Amino acid sequence: MAHHKSAKKRARQDLARRARNRNIRGKLKTAIKNARTALVGSDGGAARDALRNAEREIRKAASKGVLSKKQASRRVSRLARRLNASASS
């Protein structure tokens, strides 16, 4: 346990940051899962909407520092590639 005032403050900040990151990561995982299930389905409009929502959550997580910018771009790219492949076939 922290003894100094600054260490106690740092511990409080870490807890708050951890809770915020877990919340963002949970929303991110749900959005990606919804997009993947929509891509498997036959409805192209729903898949596009789900992908748009997932991209929004991914970019938001990257801006908050939960994901790196490159990882966010890679995830969006892979989802978009799946959408384009399912639309063309």
N, C-alpha and C. Protein backbone atom coordinates (compact mmCIF):
# COMPACT_ATOMS: atom_id res chain seq x y z
N MET A 1 0.85 -1.19 0.00
CA MET A 1 0.00 0.00 0.00
C MET A 1 0.88 1.24 0.00
N ALA A 2 0.41 2.26 -0.67
CA ALA A 2 1.17 3.50 -0.78
C ALA A 2 1.19 4.24 0.55
N HIS A 3 2.31 4.90 0.82
CA HIS A 3 2.45 5.65 2.07
C HIS A 3 2.51 7.15 1.82
N HIS A 4 3.12 7.55 0.72
CA HIS A 4 3.25 8.97 0.44
C HIS A 4 1.98 9.51 -0.21
N LYS A 5 1.77 10.80 -0.02
CA LYS A 5 0.57 11.44 -0.55
C LYS A 5 0.51 11.31 -2.07
N SER A 6 1.64 11.53 -2.72
CA SER A 6 1.67 11.46 -4.18
C SER A 6 1.43 10.03 -4.66
N ALA A 7 1.92 9.03 -3.93
CA ALA A 7 1.73 7.63 -4.31
C ALA A 7 0.26 7.23 -4.13
N LYS A 8 -0.36 7.78 -3.10
CA LYS A 8 -1.79 7.49 -2.89
C LYS A 8 -2.63 8.09 -4.03
N LYS A 9 -2.27 9.30 -4.42
CA LYS A 9 -2.98 9.94 -5.53
C LYS A 9 -2.78 9.14 -6.81
N ARG A 10 -1.56 8.68 -7.05
CA ARG A 10 -1.26 7.89 -8.24
C ARG A 10 -2.09 6.61 -8.24
N ALA A 11 -2.26 5.98 -7.08
CA ALA A 11 -3.05 4.76 -6.98
C ALA A 11 -4.52 5.04 -7.32
N ARG A 12 -5.04 6.16 -6.83
CA ARG A 12 -6.43 6.55 -7.16
C ARG A 12 -6.58 6.78 -8.65
N GLN A 13 -5.62 7.48 -9.24
CA GLN A 13 -5.67 7.77 -10.67
C GLN A 13 -5.61 6.47 -11.48
N ASP A 14 -4.77 5.54 -11.05
CA ASP A 14 -4.65 4.27 -11.75
C ASP A 14 -5.96 3.50 -11.73
N LEU A 15 -6.65 3.52 -10.59
CA LEU A 15 -7.93 2.82 -10.50
C LEU A 15 -8.97 3.43 -11.44
N ALA A 16 -9.02 4.75 -11.45
CA ALA A 16 -9.99 5.43 -12.32
C ALA A 16 -9.66 5.17 -13.78
N ARG A 17 -8.38 5.23 -14.13
CA ARG A 17 -7.95 5.01 -15.52
C ARG A 17 -8.24 3.57 -15.93
N ARG A 18 -8.01 2.63 -15.04
CA ARG A 18 -8.26 1.22 -15.33
C ARG A 18 -9.74 0.98 -15.59
N ALA A 19 -10.60 1.59 -14.78
CA ALA A 19 -12.04 1.43 -14.96
C ALA A 19 -12.47 2.03 -16.30
N ARG A 20 -11.93 3.18 -16.63
CA ARG A 20 -12.28 3.84 -17.90
C ARG A 20 -11.82 2.98 -19.08
N ASN A 21 -10.59 2.48 -19.01
CA ASN A 21 -10.06 1.65 -20.10
C ASN A 21 -10.86 0.36 -20.26
N ARG A 22 -11.25 -0.25 -19.14
CA ARG A 22 -12.03 -1.49 -19.22
C ARG A 22 -13.38 -1.24 -19.86
N ASN A 23 -13.99 -0.11 -19.55
CA ASN A 23 -15.28 0.25 -20.14
C ASN A 23 -15.15 0.45 -21.65
N ILE A 24 -14.13 1.18 -22.05
CA ILE A 24 -13.91 1.44 -23.47
C ILE A 24 -13.60 0.13 -24.20
N ARG A 25 -12.75 -0.72 -23.60
CA ARG A 25 -12.39 -1.99 -24.23
C ARG A 25 -13.59 -2.91 -24.34
N GLY A 26 -14.48 -2.87 -23.36
CA GLY A 26 -15.70 -3.69 -23.42
C GLY A 26 -16.61 -3.26 -24.55
N LYS A 27 -16.81 -1.95 -24.69
CA LYS A 27 -17.63 -1.44 -25.80
C LYS A 27 -17.00 -1.79 -27.14
N LEU A 28 -15.69 -1.71 -27.19
CA LEU A 28 -14.96 -2.02 -28.42
C LEU A 28 -15.16 -3.47 -28.82
N LYS A 29 -15.00 -4.38 -27.87
CA LYS A 29 -15.17 -5.82 -28.15
C LYS A 29 -16.59 -6.12 -28.61
N THR A 30 -17.56 -5.50 -27.97
CA THR A 30 -18.97 -5.74 -28.35
C THR A 30 -19.23 -5.25 -29.76
N ALA A 31 -18.72 -4.07 -30.10
CA ALA A 31 -18.94 -3.51 -31.43
C ALA A 31 -18.29 -4.38 -32.50
N ILE A 32 -17.08 -4.88 -32.23
CA ILE A 32 -16.39 -5.74 -33.19
C ILE A 32 -17.13 -7.06 -33.35
N LYS A 33 -17.61 -7.60 -32.24
CA LYS A 33 -18.35 -8.86 -32.31
C LYS A 33 -19.64 -8.68 -33.11
N ASN A 34 -20.35 -7.58 -32.89
CA ASN A 34 -21.57 -7.30 -33.64
C ASN A 34 -21.28 -7.15 -35.13
N ALA A 35 -20.16 -6.51 -35.45
CA ALA A 35 -19.80 -6.33 -36.85
C ALA A 35 -19.48 -7.68 -37.50
N ARG A 36 -18.76 -8.53 -36.79
CA ARG A 36 -18.41 -9.84 -37.35
C ARG A 36 -19.65 -10.70 -37.57
N THR A 37 -20.58 -10.67 -36.62
CA THR A 37 -21.79 -11.48 -36.80
C THR A 37 -22.65 -10.91 -37.93
N ALA A 38 -22.67 -9.59 -38.10
CA ALA A 38 -23.43 -8.98 -39.18
C ALA A 38 -22.80 -9.32 -40.53
N LEU A 39 -21.47 -9.42 -40.57
CA LEU A 39 -20.79 -9.76 -41.81
C LEU A 39 -21.08 -11.19 -42.24
N VAL A 40 -21.32 -12.07 -41.28
CA VAL A 40 -21.65 -13.46 -41.60
C VAL A 40 -23.06 -13.55 -42.18
N GLY A 41 -23.94 -12.67 -41.72
CA GLY A 41 -25.32 -12.68 -42.19
C GLY A 41 -25.44 -12.23 -43.64
N SER A 42 -26.66 -12.27 -44.15
CA SER A 42 -26.88 -11.95 -45.57
C SER A 42 -27.28 -10.49 -45.79
N ASP A 43 -27.59 -9.76 -44.73
CA ASP A 43 -28.06 -8.37 -44.86
C ASP A 43 -26.85 -7.42 -44.99
N GLY A 44 -26.65 -6.89 -46.19
CA GLY A 44 -25.51 -6.00 -46.43
C GLY A 44 -25.63 -4.67 -45.74
N GLY A 45 -26.85 -4.15 -45.64
CA GLY A 45 -27.06 -2.85 -44.98
C GLY A 45 -26.74 -2.91 -43.50
N ALA A 46 -27.18 -3.98 -42.86
CA ALA A 46 -26.89 -4.15 -41.43
C ALA A 46 -25.40 -4.31 -41.21
N ALA A 47 -24.74 -5.01 -42.12
CA ALA A 47 -23.30 -5.21 -42.00
C ALA A 47 -22.56 -3.88 -42.12
N ARG A 48 -23.00 -3.03 -43.06
CA ARG A 48 -22.36 -1.71 -43.23
C ARG A 48 -22.56 -0.86 -41.98
N ASP A 49 -23.78 -0.89 -41.42
CA ASP A 49 -24.04 -0.11 -40.21
C ASP A 49 -23.21 -0.61 -39.04
N ALA A 50 -23.12 -1.94 -38.91
CA ALA A 50 -22.35 -2.52 -37.82
C ALA A 50 -20.87 -2.18 -37.98
N LEU A 51 -20.38 -2.20 -39.22
CA LEU A 51 -18.98 -1.86 -39.47
C LEU A 51 -18.73 -0.39 -39.15
N ARG A 52 -19.66 0.46 -39.51
CA ARG A 52 -19.52 1.90 -39.23
C ARG A 52 -19.45 2.14 -37.72
N ASN A 53 -20.32 1.45 -36.97
CA ASN A 53 -20.31 1.57 -35.52
C ASN A 53 -19.01 1.03 -34.93
N ALA A 54 -18.55 -0.11 -35.45
CA ALA A 54 -17.31 -0.70 -34.94
C ALA A 54 -16.12 0.22 -35.22
N GLU A 55 -16.10 0.81 -36.42
CA GLU A 55 -15.01 1.72 -36.75
C GLU A 55 -15.01 2.92 -35.82
N ARG A 56 -16.18 3.42 -35.51
CA ARG A 56 -16.31 4.56 -34.60
C ARG A 56 -15.73 4.21 -33.23
N GLU A 57 -16.09 3.03 -32.72
CA GLU A 57 -15.59 2.62 -31.40
C GLU A 57 -14.08 2.36 -31.44
N ILE A 58 -13.59 1.79 -32.53
CA ILE A 58 -12.15 1.52 -32.65
C ILE A 58 -11.37 2.83 -32.67
N ARG A 59 -11.84 3.79 -33.47
CA ARG A 59 -11.15 5.08 -33.55
C ARG A 59 -11.21 5.82 -32.21
N LYS A 60 -12.33 5.70 -31.53
CA LYS A 60 -12.48 6.35 -30.23
C LYS A 60 -11.51 5.75 -29.22
N ALA A 61 -11.38 4.41 -29.24
CA ALA A 61 -10.44 3.75 -28.33
C ALA A 61 -9.01 4.17 -28.63
N ALA A 62 -8.70 4.36 -29.91
CA ALA A 62 -7.35 4.79 -30.27
C ALA A 62 -7.09 6.22 -29.80
N SER A 63 -8.10 7.07 -29.90
CA SER A 63 -7.91 8.46 -29.47
C SER A 63 -7.76 8.57 -27.96
N LYS A 64 -8.35 7.60 -27.23
CA LYS A 64 -8.23 7.60 -25.78
C LYS A 64 -6.95 6.92 -25.31
N GLY A 65 -6.22 6.28 -26.23
CA GLY A 65 -4.97 5.63 -25.85
C GLY A 65 -5.13 4.18 -25.45
N VAL A 66 -6.32 3.61 -25.60
CA VAL A 66 -6.53 2.21 -25.25
C VAL A 66 -5.89 1.32 -26.31
N LEU A 67 -5.99 1.74 -27.57
CA LEU A 67 -5.33 1.08 -28.70
C LEU A 67 -4.34 2.05 -29.32
N SER A 68 -3.33 1.50 -29.98
CA SER A 68 -2.45 2.38 -30.75
C SER A 68 -3.14 2.74 -32.06
N LYS A 69 -2.71 3.81 -32.67
CA LYS A 69 -3.31 4.26 -33.93
C LYS A 69 -3.14 3.21 -35.02
N LYS A 70 -1.98 2.59 -35.06
CA LYS A 70 -1.72 1.58 -36.10
C LYS A 70 -2.60 0.35 -35.90
N GLN A 71 -2.75 -0.07 -34.66
CA GLN A 71 -3.60 -1.23 -34.39
C GLN A 71 -5.05 -0.93 -34.74
N ALA A 72 -5.49 0.28 -34.47
CA ALA A 72 -6.85 0.66 -34.80
C ALA A 72 -7.05 0.63 -36.32
N SER A 73 -6.11 1.18 -37.06
CA SER A 73 -6.21 1.17 -38.52
C SER A 73 -6.22 -0.25 -39.05
N ARG A 74 -5.40 -1.11 -38.48
CA ARG A 74 -5.33 -2.50 -38.91
C ARG A 74 -6.65 -3.22 -38.67
N ARG A 75 -7.25 -3.00 -37.52
CA ARG A 75 -8.53 -3.64 -37.20
C ARG A 75 -9.64 -3.16 -38.13
N VAL A 76 -9.69 -1.87 -38.39
CA VAL A 76 -10.70 -1.32 -39.28
C VAL A 76 -10.50 -1.88 -40.69
N SER A 77 -9.25 -1.93 -41.12
CA SER A 77 -8.94 -2.43 -42.45
C SER A 77 -9.38 -3.88 -42.61
N ARG A 78 -9.13 -4.70 -41.62
CA ARG A 78 -9.52 -6.12 -41.71
C ARG A 78 -11.03 -6.28 -41.76
N LEU A 79 -11.74 -5.50 -40.97
CA LEU A 79 -13.20 -5.57 -41.00
C LEU A 79 -13.74 -5.10 -42.35
N ALA A 80 -13.16 -4.01 -42.87
CA ALA A 80 -13.62 -3.49 -44.16
C ALA A 80 -13.32 -4.48 -45.28
N ARG A 81 -12.19 -5.15 -45.18
CA ARG A 81 -11.84 -6.15 -46.18
C ARG A 81 -12.84 -7.30 -46.18
N ARG A 82 -13.27 -7.70 -44.98
CA ARG A 82 -14.29 -8.75 -44.87
C ARG A 82 -15.61 -8.29 -45.48
N LEU A 83 -15.99 -7.04 -45.22
CA LEU A 83 -17.23 -6.51 -45.78
C LEU A 83 -17.17 -6.49 -47.29
N ASN A 84 -16.07 -6.02 -47.85
CA ASN A 84 -15.93 -5.95 -49.30
C ASN A 84 -15.92 -7.34 -49.93
N ALA A 85 -15.32 -8.30 -49.25
CA ALA A 85 -15.27 -9.66 -49.78
C ALA A 85 -16.67 -10.28 -49.77
N SER A 86 -17.44 -10.02 -48.72
CA SER A 86 -18.78 -10.60 -48.65
C SER A 86 -19.72 -9.89 -49.62
N ALA A 87 -19.48 -8.62 -49.91
CA ALA A 87 -20.33 -7.89 -50.84
C ALA A 87 -20.07 -8.33 -52.28
N SER A 88 -18.80 -8.65 -52.58
CA SER A 88 -18.47 -9.03 -53.96
C SER A 88 -18.89 -10.46 -54.28
N SER A 89 -18.98 -11.32 -53.28
CA SER A 89 -19.33 -12.72 -53.56
C SER A 89 -20.80 -12.99 -53.42
